[in-house]
Amino acid sequence: MGSIEDLKLEEKNLLTKSLTKEYFDIYIWPGNPKDISDTTRLKLVIQTNHKRCKEFLENCGERPRVYRNTLIFLCPSESERISFDNFLKKKLAWHFIEKDKTLRITDE
């Protein structure tokens, strides 16, 4: 319960449910700059590490990125990251408690 993998999965689920692809192509935690298409369509790139954004902005694989102005990056600040991780831990804990049928919890 509450492992790093559980937190990452829950975070990805929340992001996927919250974002629509109506206006943007959405890339959640891409591993490589070539994973993001170099087209005229707007792209929202969600990264956990803001230091990698420049690499994604400048390159599309082995070649320079042509449509740089179509990329929008979303990266959490370190202080917000801690708060969000705590939120996810509590959410998962409540989910596991609710799912556990062996617990005898009253409405009170």
PDB file of N, CA and C in Angstrom:
ATOM      1  N   MET A   1       0.836  -1.188   0.000  1.00  0.00           N
ATOM      2  CA  MET A   1       0.000   0.000   0.000  1.00  0.00           C
ATOM      3  C   MET A   1       0.876   1.245   0.000  1.00  0.00           C
ATOM      4  N   GLY A   2       0.581   2.202  -0.877  1.00  0.00           N
ATOM      5  CA  GLY A   2       1.295   3.457  -0.882  1.00  0.00           C
ATOM      6  C   GLY A   2       2.699   3.369  -1.457  1.00  0.00           C
ATOM      7  N   SER A   3       2.974   2.342  -2.256  1.00  0.00           N
ATOM      8  CA  SER A   3       4.304   2.241  -2.846  1.00  0.00           C
ATOM      9  C   SER A   3       4.469   3.315  -3.915  1.00  0.00           C
ATOM     10  N   ILE A   4       5.692   3.523  -4.337  1.00  0.00           N
ATOM     11  CA  ILE A   4       5.992   4.510  -5.380  1.00  0.00           C
ATOM     12  C   ILE A   4       5.201   4.186  -6.651  1.00  0.00           C
ATOM     13  N   GLU A   5       5.119   2.906  -6.990  1.00  0.00           N
ATOM     14  CA  GLU A   5       4.382   2.507  -8.190  1.00  0.00           C
ATOM     15  C   GLU A   5       2.904   2.837  -8.066  1.00  0.00           C
ATOM     16  N   ASP A   6       2.323   2.601  -6.861  1.00  0.00           N
ATOM     17  CA  ASP A   6       0.918   2.944  -6.630  1.00  0.00           C
ATOM     18  C   ASP A   6       0.687   4.437  -6.785  1.00  0.00           C
ATOM     19  N   LEU A   7       1.605   5.241  -6.254  1.00  0.00           N
ATOM     20  CA  LEU A   7       1.468   6.692  -6.352  1.00  0.00           C
ATOM     21  C   LEU A   7       1.555   7.159  -7.804  1.00  0.00           C
ATOM     22  N   LYS A   8       2.519   6.630  -8.549  1.00  0.00           N
ATOM     23  CA  LYS A   8       2.679   7.019  -9.949  1.00  0.00           C
ATOM     24  C   LYS A   8       1.455   6.621 -10.775  1.00  0.00           C
ATOM     25  N   LEU A   9       0.940   5.423 -10.528  1.00  0.00           N
ATOM     26  CA  LEU A   9      -0.243   4.960 -11.251  1.00  0.00           C
ATOM     27  C   LEU A   9      -1.444   5.846 -10.931  1.00  0.00           C
ATOM     28  N   GLU A  10      -1.632   6.165  -9.666  1.00  0.00           N
ATOM     29  CA  GLU A  10      -2.745   7.029  -9.270  1.00  0.00           C
ATOM     30  C   GLU A  10      -2.601   8.427  -9.873  1.00  0.00           C
ATOM     31  N   GLU A  11      -1.385   8.960  -9.877  1.00  0.00           N
ATOM     32  CA  GLU A  11      -1.143  10.274 -10.470  1.00  0.00           C
ATOM     33  C   GLU A  11      -1.464  10.258 -11.964  1.00  0.00           C
ATOM     34  N   LYS A  12      -1.012   9.232 -12.659  1.00  0.00           N
ATOM     35  CA  LYS A  12      -1.267   9.133 -14.100  1.00  0.00           C
ATOM     36  C   LYS A  12      -2.765   8.996 -14.372  1.00  0.00           C
ATOM     37  N   ASN A  13      -3.465   8.223 -13.533  1.00  0.00           N
ATOM     38  CA  ASN A  13      -4.915   8.079 -13.687  1.00  0.00           C
ATOM     39  C   ASN A  13      -5.624   9.419 -13.507  1.00  0.00           C
ATOM     40  N   LEU A  14      -5.232  10.182 -12.489  1.00  0.00           N
ATOM     41  CA  LEU A  14      -5.838  11.492 -12.255  1.00  0.00           C
ATOM     42  C   LEU A  14      -5.577  12.438 -13.422  1.00  0.00           C
ATOM     43  N   LEU A  15      -4.347  12.453 -13.915  1.00  0.00           N
ATOM     44  CA  LEU A  15      -4.013  13.314 -15.051  1.00  0.00           C
ATOM     45  C   LEU A  15      -4.808  12.922 -16.294  1.00  0.00           C
ATOM     46  N   THR A  16      -4.892  11.642 -16.546  1.00  0.00           N
ATOM     47  CA  THR A  16      -5.600  11.160 -17.730  1.00  0.00           C
ATOM     48  C   THR A  16      -7.086  11.511 -17.666  1.00  0.00           C
ATOM     49  N   LYS A  17      -7.686  11.357 -16.493  1.00  0.00           N
ATOM     50  CA  LYS A  17      -9.104  11.681 -16.336  1.00  0.00           C
ATOM     51  C   LYS A  17      -9.365  13.183 -16.400  1.00  0.00           C
ATOM     52  N   SER A  18      -8.423  13.990 -15.944  1.00  0.00           N
ATOM     53  CA  SER A  18      -8.622  15.432 -15.828  1.00  0.00           C
ATOM     54  C   SER A  18      -8.379  16.192 -17.127  1.00  0.00           C
ATOM     55  N   LEU A  19      -7.594  15.645 -18.010  1.00  0.00           N
ATOM     56  CA  LEU A  19      -7.205  16.362 -19.224  1.00  0.00           C
ATOM     57  C   LEU A  19      -7.942  15.816 -20.437  1.00  0.00           C
ATOM     58  N   THR A  20      -8.378  16.719 -21.296  1.00  0.00           N
ATOM     59  CA  THR A  20      -9.031  16.294 -22.531  1.00  0.00           C
ATOM     60  C   THR A  20      -8.108  16.572 -23.710  1.00  0.00           C
ATOM     61  N   LYS A  21      -8.256  15.802 -24.740  1.00  0.00           N
ATOM     62  CA  LYS A  21      -7.412  15.953 -25.928  1.00  0.00           C
ATOM     63  C   LYS A  21      -8.083  16.823 -26.987  1.00  0.00           C
ATOM     64  N   GLU A  22      -9.053  17.614 -26.554  1.00  0.00           N
ATOM     65  CA  GLU A  22      -9.785  18.450 -27.495  1.00  0.00           C
ATOM     66  C   GLU A  22      -8.892  19.521 -28.116  1.00  0.00           C
ATOM     67  N   TYR A  23      -8.072  20.163 -27.317  1.00  0.00           N
ATOM     68  CA  TYR A  23      -7.243  21.265 -27.791  1.00  0.00           C
ATOM     69  C   TYR A  23      -5.769  20.901 -27.945  1.00  0.00           C
ATOM     70  N   PHE A  24      -5.322  19.895 -27.234  1.00  0.00           N
ATOM     71  CA  PHE A  24      -3.911  19.527 -27.193  1.00  0.00           C
ATOM     72  C   PHE A  24      -3.740  18.037 -27.435  1.00  0.00           C
ATOM     73  N   ASP A  25      -2.581  17.683 -27.953  1.00  0.00           N
ATOM     74  CA  ASP A  25      -2.112  16.308 -27.815  1.00  0.00           C
ATOM     75  C   ASP A  25      -1.443  16.285 -26.457  1.00  0.00           C
ATOM     76  N   ILE A  26      -1.698  15.276 -25.664  1.00  0.00           N
ATOM     77  CA  ILE A  26      -1.197  15.241 -24.288  1.00  0.00           C
ATOM     78  C   ILE A  26      -0.161  14.132 -24.147  1.00  0.00           C
ATOM     79  N   TYR A  27       0.973  14.510 -23.575  1.00  0.00           N
ATOM     80  CA  TYR A  27       2.067  13.565 -23.338  1.00  0.00           C
ATOM     81  C   TYR A  27       2.388  13.583 -21.851  1.00  0.00           C
ATOM     82  N   ILE A  28       2.120  12.477 -21.183  1.00  0.00           N
ATOM     83  CA  ILE A  28       2.372  12.376 -19.747  1.00  0.00           C
ATOM     84  C   ILE A  28       3.676  11.621 -19.549  1.00  0.00           C
ATOM     85  N   TRP A  29       4.648  12.309 -18.994  1.00  0.00           N
ATOM     86  CA  TRP A  29       5.969  11.767 -18.660  1.00  0.00           C
ATOM     87  C   TRP A  29       6.642  11.070 -19.845  1.00  0.00           C
ATOM     88  N   PRO A  30       6.782  11.738 -20.969  1.00  0.00           N
ATOM     89  CA  PRO A  30       7.464  11.092 -22.089  1.00  0.00           C
ATOM     90  C   PRO A  30       8.927  10.817 -21.724  1.00  0.00           C
ATOM     91  N   GLY A  31       9.427   9.701 -22.198  1.00  0.00           N
ATOM     92  CA  GLY A  31      10.787   9.312 -21.860  1.00  0.00           C
ATOM     93  C   GLY A  31      11.839   9.856 -22.806  1.00  0.00           C
ATOM     94  N   ASN A  32      11.421  10.162 -24.034  1.00  0.00           N
ATOM     95  CA  ASN A  32      12.372  10.545 -25.060  1.00  0.00           C
ATOM     96  C   ASN A  32      11.772  11.667 -25.903  1.00  0.00           C
ATOM     97  N   PRO A  33      12.563  12.661 -26.309  1.00  0.00           N
ATOM     98  CA  PRO A  33      12.037  13.748 -27.150  1.00  0.00           C
ATOM     99  C   PRO A  33      11.379  13.272 -28.443  1.00  0.00           C
ATOM    100  N   LYS A  34      11.824  12.145 -28.989  1.00  0.00           N
ATOM    101  CA  LYS A  34      11.214  11.654 -30.234  1.00  0.00           C
ATOM    102  C   LYS A  34       9.815  11.087 -29.998  1.00  0.00           C
ATOM    103  N   ASP A  35       9.428  10.874 -28.718  1.00  0.00           N
ATOM    104  CA  ASP A  35       8.084  10.397 -28.399  1.00  0.00           C
ATOM    105  C   ASP A  35       7.027  11.477 -28.639  1.00  0.00           C
ATOM    106  N   ILE A  36       7.460  12.727 -28.776  1.00  0.00           N
ATOM    107  CA  ILE A  36       6.552  13.849 -28.995  1.00  0.00           C
ATOM    108  C   ILE A  36       6.642  14.255 -30.458  1.00  0.00           C
ATOM    109  N   SER A  37       5.523  14.192 -31.138  1.00  0.00           N
ATOM    110  CA  SER A  37       5.515  14.506 -32.570  1.00  0.00           C
ATOM    111  C   SER A  37       5.926  15.960 -32.812  1.00  0.00           C
ATOM    112  N   ASP A  38       6.508  16.202 -33.956  1.00  0.00           N
ATOM    113  CA  ASP A  38       6.931  17.551 -34.342  1.00  0.00           C
ATOM    114  C   ASP A  38       5.974  18.044 -35.418  1.00  0.00           C
ATOM    115  N   THR A  39       4.765  18.412 -34.968  1.00  0.00           N
ATOM    116  CA  THR A  39       3.706  18.863 -35.874  1.00  0.00           C
ATOM    117  C   THR A  39       3.222  20.241 -35.446  1.00  0.00           C
ATOM    118  N   THR A  40       2.310  20.801 -36.211  1.00  0.00           N
ATOM    119  CA  THR A  40       1.764  22.118 -35.891  1.00  0.00           C
ATOM    120  C   THR A  40       0.696  22.069 -34.798  1.00  0.00           C
ATOM    121  N   ARG A  41       0.238  20.900 -34.434  1.00  0.00           N
ATOM    122  CA  ARG A  41      -0.785  20.760 -33.383  1.00  0.00           C
ATOM    123  C   ARG A  41      -0.175  21.095 -32.026  1.00  0.00           C
ATOM    124  N   LEU A  42      -0.966  21.767 -31.159  1.00  0.00           N
ATOM    125  CA  LEU A  42      -0.491  22.082 -29.808  1.00  0.00           C
ATOM    126  C   LEU A  42      -0.301  20.807 -28.993  1.00  0.00           C
ATOM    127  N   LYS A  43       0.741  20.816 -28.171  1.00  0.00           N
ATOM    128  CA  LYS A  43       1.069  19.656 -27.360  1.00  0.00           C
ATOM    129  C   LYS A  43       1.298  20.082 -25.909  1.00  0.00           C
ATOM    130  N   LEU A  44       0.633  19.413 -24.988  1.00  0.00           N
ATOM    131  CA  LEU A  44       0.853  19.623 -23.566  1.00  0.00           C
ATOM    132  C   LEU A  44       1.757  18.497 -23.087  1.00  0.00           C
ATOM    133  N   VAL A  45       2.929  18.868 -22.581  1.00  0.00           N
ATOM    134  CA  VAL A  45       3.919  17.887 -22.128  1.00  0.00           C
ATOM    135  C   VAL A  45       4.015  17.988 -20.614  1.00  0.00           C
ATOM    136  N   ILE A  46       3.651  16.915 -19.941  1.00  0.00           N
ATOM    137  CA  ILE A  46       3.707  16.892 -18.485  1.00  0.00           C
ATOM    138  C   ILE A  46       4.976  16.157 -18.083  1.00  0.00           C
ATOM    139  N   GLN A  47       5.834  16.862 -17.380  1.00  0.00           N
ATOM    140  CA  GLN A  47       7.127  16.316 -16.956  1.00  0.00           C
ATOM    141  C   GLN A  47       7.242  16.382 -15.439  1.00  0.00           C
ATOM    142  N   THR A  48       7.983  15.482 -14.873  1.00  0.00           N
ATOM    143  CA  THR A  48       8.255  15.519 -13.437  1.00  0.00           C
ATOM    144  C   THR A  48       9.540  16.287 -13.155  1.00  0.00           C
ATOM    145  N   ASN A  49      10.386  16.429 -14.157  1.00  0.00           N
ATOM    146  CA  ASN A  49      11.674  17.089 -13.986  1.00  0.00           C
ATOM    147  C   ASN A  49      11.783  18.246 -14.986  1.00  0.00           C
ATOM    148  N   HIS A  50      11.733  19.473 -14.487  1.00  0.00           N
ATOM    149  CA  HIS A  50      11.770  20.637 -15.381  1.00  0.00           C
ATOM    150  C   HIS A  50      13.097  20.776 -16.126  1.00  0.00           C
ATOM    151  N   LYS A  51      14.139  20.117 -15.658  1.00  0.00           N
ATOM    152  CA  LYS A  51      15.453  20.210 -16.299  1.00  0.00           C
ATOM    153  C   LYS A  51      15.469  19.532 -17.677  1.00  0.00           C
ATOM    154  N   ARG A  52      14.545  18.604 -17.910  1.00  0.00           N
ATOM    155  CA  ARG A  52      14.512  17.900 -19.195  1.00  0.00           C
ATOM    156  C   ARG A  52      13.720  18.644 -20.260  1.00  0.00           C
ATOM    157  N   CYS A  53      12.986  19.682 -19.881  1.00  0.00           N
ATOM    158  CA  CYS A  53      12.127  20.397 -20.831  1.00  0.00           C
ATOM    159  C   CYS A  53      12.921  20.976 -21.998  1.00  0.00           C
ATOM    160  N   LYS A  54      14.078  21.524 -21.728  1.00  0.00           N
ATOM    161  CA  LYS A  54      14.888  22.127 -22.793  1.00  0.00           C
ATOM    162  C   LYS A  54      15.256  21.081 -23.851  1.00  0.00           C
ATOM    163  N   GLU A  55      15.598  19.882 -23.405  1.00  0.00           N
ATOM    164  CA  GLU A  55      15.932  18.800 -24.323  1.00  0.00           C
ATOM    165  C   GLU A  55      14.747  18.482 -25.239  1.00  0.00           C
ATOM    166  N   PHE A  56      13.539  18.423 -24.670  1.00  0.00           N
ATOM    167  CA  PHE A  56      12.341  18.137 -25.447  1.00  0.00           C
ATOM    168  C   PHE A  56      11.998  19.293 -26.386  1.00  0.00           C
ATOM    169  N   LEU A  57      12.261  20.510 -25.956  1.00  0.00           N
ATOM    170  CA  LEU A  57      11.967  21.697 -26.752  1.00  0.00           C
ATOM    171  C   LEU A  57      12.891  21.808 -27.963  1.00  0.00           C
ATOM    172  N   GLU A  58      14.136  21.463 -27.795  1.00  0.00           N
ATOM    173  CA  GLU A  58      15.119  21.658 -28.858  1.00  0.00           C
ATOM    174  C   GLU A  58      15.230  20.493 -29.838  1.00  0.00           C
ATOM    175  N   ASN A  59      14.901  19.280 -29.395  1.00  0.00           N
ATOM    176  CA  ASN A  59      15.133  18.109 -30.242  1.00  0.00           C
ATOM    177  C   ASN A  59      13.880  17.260 -30.407  1.00  0.00           C
ATOM    178  N   CYS A  60      13.834  16.589 -31.552  1.00  0.00           N
ATOM    179  CA  CYS A  60      12.830  15.561 -31.817  1.00  0.00           C
ATOM    180  C   CYS A  60      13.623  14.341 -32.278  1.00  0.00           C
ATOM    181  N   GLY A  61      14.083  13.588 -31.320  1.00  0.00           N
ATOM    182  CA  GLY A  61      14.981  12.480 -31.627  1.00  0.00           C
ATOM    183  C   GLY A  61      16.365  13.010 -31.911  1.00  0.00           C
ATOM    184  N   GLU A  62      16.914  12.654 -33.075  1.00  0.00           N
ATOM    185  CA  GLU A  62      18.263  13.058 -33.454  1.00  0.00           C
ATOM    186  C   GLU A  62      18.296  14.365 -34.247  1.00  0.00           C
ATOM    187  N   ARG A  63      17.140  14.910 -34.567  1.00  0.00           N
ATOM    188  CA  ARG A  63      17.097  16.134 -35.365  1.00  0.00           C
ATOM    189  C   ARG A  63      16.517  17.293 -34.551  1.00  0.00           C
ATOM    190  N   PRO A  64      16.792  18.523 -34.953  1.00  0.00           N
ATOM    191  CA  PRO A  64      16.238  19.678 -34.239  1.00  0.00           C
ATOM    192  C   PRO A  64      14.712  19.744 -34.404  1.00  0.00           C
ATOM    193  N   ARG A  65      14.042  20.185 -33.365  1.00  0.00           N
ATOM    194  CA  ARG A  65      12.586  20.330 -33.423  1.00  0.00           C
ATOM    195  C   ARG A  65      12.245  21.583 -34.234  1.00  0.00           C
ATOM    196  N   VAL A  66      11.334  21.459 -35.178  1.00  0.00           N
ATOM    197  CA  VAL A  66      10.930  22.564 -36.047  1.00  0.00           C
ATOM    198  C   VAL A  66       9.827  23.388 -35.382  1.00  0.00           C
ATOM    199  N   TYR A  67       8.793  22.724 -34.860  1.00  0.00           N
ATOM    200  CA  TYR A  67       7.626  23.416 -34.309  1.00  0.00           C
ATOM    201  C   TYR A  67       7.724  23.546 -32.787  1.00  0.00           C
ATOM    202  N   ARG A  68       8.722  24.284 -32.346  1.00  0.00           N
ATOM    203  CA  ARG A  68       8.968  24.461 -30.906  1.00  0.00           C
ATOM    204  C   ARG A  68       7.839  25.216 -30.216  1.00  0.00           C
ATOM    205  N   ASN A  69       7.249  26.153 -30.932  1.00  0.00           N
ATOM    206  CA  ASN A  69       6.226  26.991 -30.318  1.00  0.00           C
ATOM    207  C   ASN A  69       4.890  26.268 -30.110  1.00  0.00           C
ATOM    208  N   THR A  70       4.821  24.993 -30.441  1.00  0.00           N
ATOM    209  CA  THR A  70       3.599  24.225 -30.212  1.00  0.00           C
ATOM    210  C   THR A  70       3.658  23.415 -28.920  1.00  0.00           C
ATOM    211  N   LEU A  71       4.780  23.489 -28.208  1.00  0.00           N
ATOM    212  CA  LEU A  71       4.943  22.735 -26.966  1.00  0.00           C
ATOM    213  C   LEU A  71       4.624  23.603 -25.755  1.00  0.00           C
ATOM    214  N   ILE A  72       3.819  23.070 -24.863  1.00  0.00           N
ATOM    215  CA  ILE A  72       3.511  23.711 -23.585  1.00  0.00           C
ATOM    216  C   ILE A  72       3.879  22.708 -22.502  1.00  0.00           C
ATOM    217  N   PHE A  73       4.690  23.149 -21.548  1.00  0.00           N
ATOM    218  CA  PHE A  73       5.172  22.246 -20.503  1.00  0.00           C
ATOM    219  C   PHE A  73       4.460  22.508 -19.188  1.00  0.00           C
ATOM    220  N   LEU A  74       4.191  21.430 -18.484  1.00  0.00           N
ATOM    221  CA  LEU A  74       3.625  21.492 -17.142  1.00  0.00           C
ATOM    222  C   LEU A  74       4.530  20.663 -16.237  1.00  0.00           C
ATOM    223  N   CYS A  75       5.170  21.351 -15.279  1.00  0.00           N
ATOM    224  CA  CYS A  75       6.093  20.697 -14.352  1.00  0.00           C
ATOM    225  C   CYS A  75       5.785  21.192 -12.939  1.00  0.00           C
ATOM    226  N   PRO A  76       5.657  20.295 -11.976  1.00  0.00           N
ATOM    227  CA  PRO A  76       5.346  20.738 -10.620  1.00  0.00           C
ATOM    228  C   PRO A  76       6.560  21.363  -9.937  1.00  0.00           C
ATOM    229  N   SER A  77       6.301  22.356  -9.094  1.00  0.00           N
ATOM    230  CA  SER A  77       7.387  22.884  -8.270  1.00  0.00           C
ATOM    231  C   SER A  77       7.657  21.885  -7.148  1.00  0.00           C
ATOM    232  N   GLU A  78       8.829  21.929  -6.584  1.00  0.00           N
ATOM    233  CA  GLU A  78       9.222  20.959  -5.558  1.00  0.00           C
ATOM    234  C   GLU A  78       8.297  21.027  -4.334  1.00  0.00           C
ATOM    235  N   SER A  79       7.925  22.228  -3.912  1.00  0.00           N
ATOM    236  CA  SER A  79       7.064  22.358  -2.735  1.00  0.00           C
ATOM    237  C   SER A  79       5.657  21.815  -3.011  1.00  0.00           C
ATOM    238  N   GLU A  80       5.145  22.032  -4.193  1.00  0.00           N
ATOM    239  CA  GLU A  80       3.827  21.504  -4.553  1.00  0.00           C
ATOM    240  C   GLU A  80       3.880  19.994  -4.736  1.00  0.00           C
ATOM    241  N   ARG A  81       4.993  19.490  -5.176  1.00  0.00           N
ATOM    242  CA  ARG A  81       5.153  18.048  -5.368  1.00  0.00           C
ATOM    243  C   ARG A  81       4.945  17.297  -4.052  1.00  0.00           C
ATOM    244  N   ILE A  82       5.507  17.816  -2.970  1.00  0.00           N
ATOM    245  CA  ILE A  82       5.381  17.179  -1.658  1.00  0.00           C
ATOM    246  C   ILE A  82       3.921  17.154  -1.224  1.00  0.00           C
ATOM    247  N   SER A  83       3.234  18.274  -1.376  1.00  0.00           N
ATOM    248  CA  SER A  83       1.814  18.352  -1.009  1.00  0.00           C
ATOM    249  C   SER A  83       0.976  17.391  -1.847  1.00  0.00           C
ATOM    250  N   PHE A  84       1.257  17.331  -3.126  1.00  0.00           N
ATOM    251  CA  PHE A  84       0.492  16.457  -4.009  1.00  0.00           C
ATOM    252  C   PHE A  84       0.746  14.986  -3.676  1.00  0.00           C
ATOM    253  N   ASP A  85       1.997  14.627  -3.407  1.00  0.00           N
ATOM    254  CA  ASP A  85       2.298  13.248  -3.015  1.00  0.00           C
ATOM    255  C   ASP A  85       1.576  12.870  -1.732  1.00  0.00           C
ATOM    256  N   ASN A  86       1.504  13.784  -0.765  1.00  0.00           N
ATOM    257  CA  ASN A  86       0.764  13.515   0.468  1.00  0.00           C
ATOM    258  C   ASN A  86      -0.718  13.321   0.183  1.00  0.00           C
ATOM    259  N   PHE A  87      -1.273  14.137  -0.708  1.00  0.00           N
ATOM    260  CA  PHE A  87      -2.667  13.983  -1.110  1.00  0.00           C
ATOM    261  C   PHE A  87      -2.904  12.597  -1.715  1.00  0.00           C
ATOM    262  N   LEU A  88      -2.005  12.173  -2.623  1.00  0.00           N
ATOM    263  CA  LEU A  88      -2.152  10.866  -3.262  1.00  0.00           C
ATOM    264  C   LEU A  88      -2.062   9.733  -2.246  1.00  0.00           C
ATOM    265  N   LYS A  89      -1.162   9.849  -1.279  1.00  0.00           N
ATOM    266  CA  LYS A  89      -1.030   8.817  -0.244  1.00  0.00           C
ATOM    267  C   LYS A  89      -2.314   8.682   0.564  1.00  0.00           C
ATOM    268  N   LYS A  90      -2.889   9.810   0.937  1.00  0.00           N
ATOM    269  CA  LYS A  90      -4.149   9.777   1.699  1.00  0.00           C
ATOM    270  C   LYS A  90      -5.285   9.200   0.855  1.00  0.00           C
ATOM    271  N   LYS A  91      -5.338   9.596  -0.400  1.00  0.00           N
ATOM    272  CA  LYS A  91      -6.386   9.095  -1.299  1.00  0.00           C
ATOM    273  C   LYS A  91      -6.285   7.584  -1.450  1.00  0.00           C
ATOM    274  N   LEU A  92      -5.077   7.088  -1.668  1.00  0.00           N
ATOM    275  CA  LEU A  92      -4.884   5.641  -1.788  1.00  0.00           C
ATOM    276  C   LEU A  92      -5.206   4.915  -0.487  1.00  0.00           C
ATOM    277  N   ALA A  93      -4.803   5.490   0.638  1.00  0.00           N
ATOM    278  CA  ALA A  93      -5.079   4.867   1.936  1.00  0.00           C
ATOM    279  C   ALA A  93      -6.578   4.743   2.153  1.00  0.00           C
ATOM    280  N   TRP A  94      -7.339   5.805   1.880  1.00  0.00           N
ATOM    281  CA  TRP A  94      -8.793   5.750   2.040  1.00  0.00           C
ATOM    282  C   TRP A  94      -9.403   4.736   1.078  1.00  0.00           C
ATOM    283  N   HIS A  95      -8.874   4.663  -0.118  1.00  0.00           N
ATOM    284  CA  HIS A  95      -9.368   3.690  -1.095  1.00  0.00           C
ATOM    285  C   HIS A  95      -9.154   2.256  -0.592  1.00  0.00           C
ATOM    286  N   PHE A  96      -7.961   1.976  -0.066  1.00  0.00           N
ATOM    287  CA  PHE A  96      -7.675   0.629   0.434  1.00  0.00           C
ATOM    288  C   PHE A  96      -8.517   0.300   1.661  1.00  0.00           C
ATOM    289  N   ILE A  97      -8.752   1.271   2.520  1.00  0.00           N
ATOM    290  CA  ILE A  97      -9.602   1.053   3.698  1.00  0.00           C
ATOM    291  C   ILE A  97     -11.027   0.746   3.252  1.00  0.00           C
ATOM    292  N   GLU A  98     -11.529   1.525   2.316  1.00  0.00           N
ATOM    293  CA  GLU A  98     -12.894   1.334   1.828  1.00  0.00           C
ATOM    294  C   GLU A  98     -13.050  -0.029   1.148  1.00  0.00           C
ATOM    295  N   LYS A  99     -12.028  -0.465   0.443  1.00  0.00           N
ATOM    296  CA  LYS A  99     -12.058  -1.734  -0.288  1.00  0.00           C
ATOM    297  C   LYS A  99     -11.915  -2.956   0.618  1.00  0.00           C
ATOM    298  N   ASP A 100     -11.320  -2.780   1.790  1.00  0.00           N
ATOM    299  CA  ASP A 100     -11.038  -3.895   2.701  1.00  0.00           C
ATOM    300  C   ASP A 100     -12.329  -4.318   3.413  1.00  0.00           C
ATOM    301  N   LYS A 101     -12.901  -5.440   3.012  1.00  0.00           N
ATOM    302  CA  LYS A 101     -14.152  -5.932   3.572  1.00  0.00           C
ATOM    303  C   LYS A 101     -13.969  -6.592   4.941  1.00  0.00           C
ATOM    304  N   THR A 102     -12.728  -6.848   5.351  1.00  0.00           N
ATOM    305  CA  THR A 102     -12.501  -7.479   6.660  1.00  0.00           C
ATOM    306  C   THR A 102     -12.571  -6.459   7.801  1.00  0.00           C
ATOM    307  N   LEU A 103     -12.483  -5.183   7.476  1.00  0.00           N
ATOM    308  CA  LEU A 103     -12.571  -4.142   8.509  1.00  0.00           C
ATOM    309  C   LEU A 103     -14.034  -3.932   8.896  1.00  0.00           C
ATOM    310  N   ARG A 104     -14.261  -3.762  10.178  1.00  0.00           N
ATOM    311  CA  ARG A 104     -15.620  -3.494  10.667  1.00  0.00           C
ATOM    312  C   ARG A 104     -15.664  -2.061  11.149  1.00  0.00           C
ATOM    313  N   ILE A 105     -16.001  -1.172  10.233  1.00  0.00           N
ATOM    314  CA  ILE A 105     -16.023   0.255  10.536  1.00  0.00           C
ATOM    315  C   ILE A 105     -17.480   0.713  10.522  1.00  0.00           C
ATOM    316  N   THR A 106     -17.864   1.398  11.598  1.00  0.00           N
ATOM    317  CA  THR A 106     -19.234   1.919  11.668  1.00  0.00           C
ATOM    318  C   THR A 106     -19.291   3.290  11.011  1.00  0.00           C
ATOM    319  N   ASP A 107     -20.503   3.779  10.790  1.00  0.00           N
ATOM    320  CA  ASP A 107     -20.667   5.103  10.199  1.00  0.00           C
ATOM    321  C   ASP A 107     -20.115   6.207  11.087  1.00  0.00           C
ATOM    322  N   GLU A 108     -20.128   5.983  12.397  1.00  0.00           N
ATOM    323  CA  GLU A 108     -19.602   6.989  13.325  1.00  0.00           C
ATOM    324  C   GLU A 108     -18.109   7.101  13.145  1.00  0.00           C
TER     325      GLU A 108
END
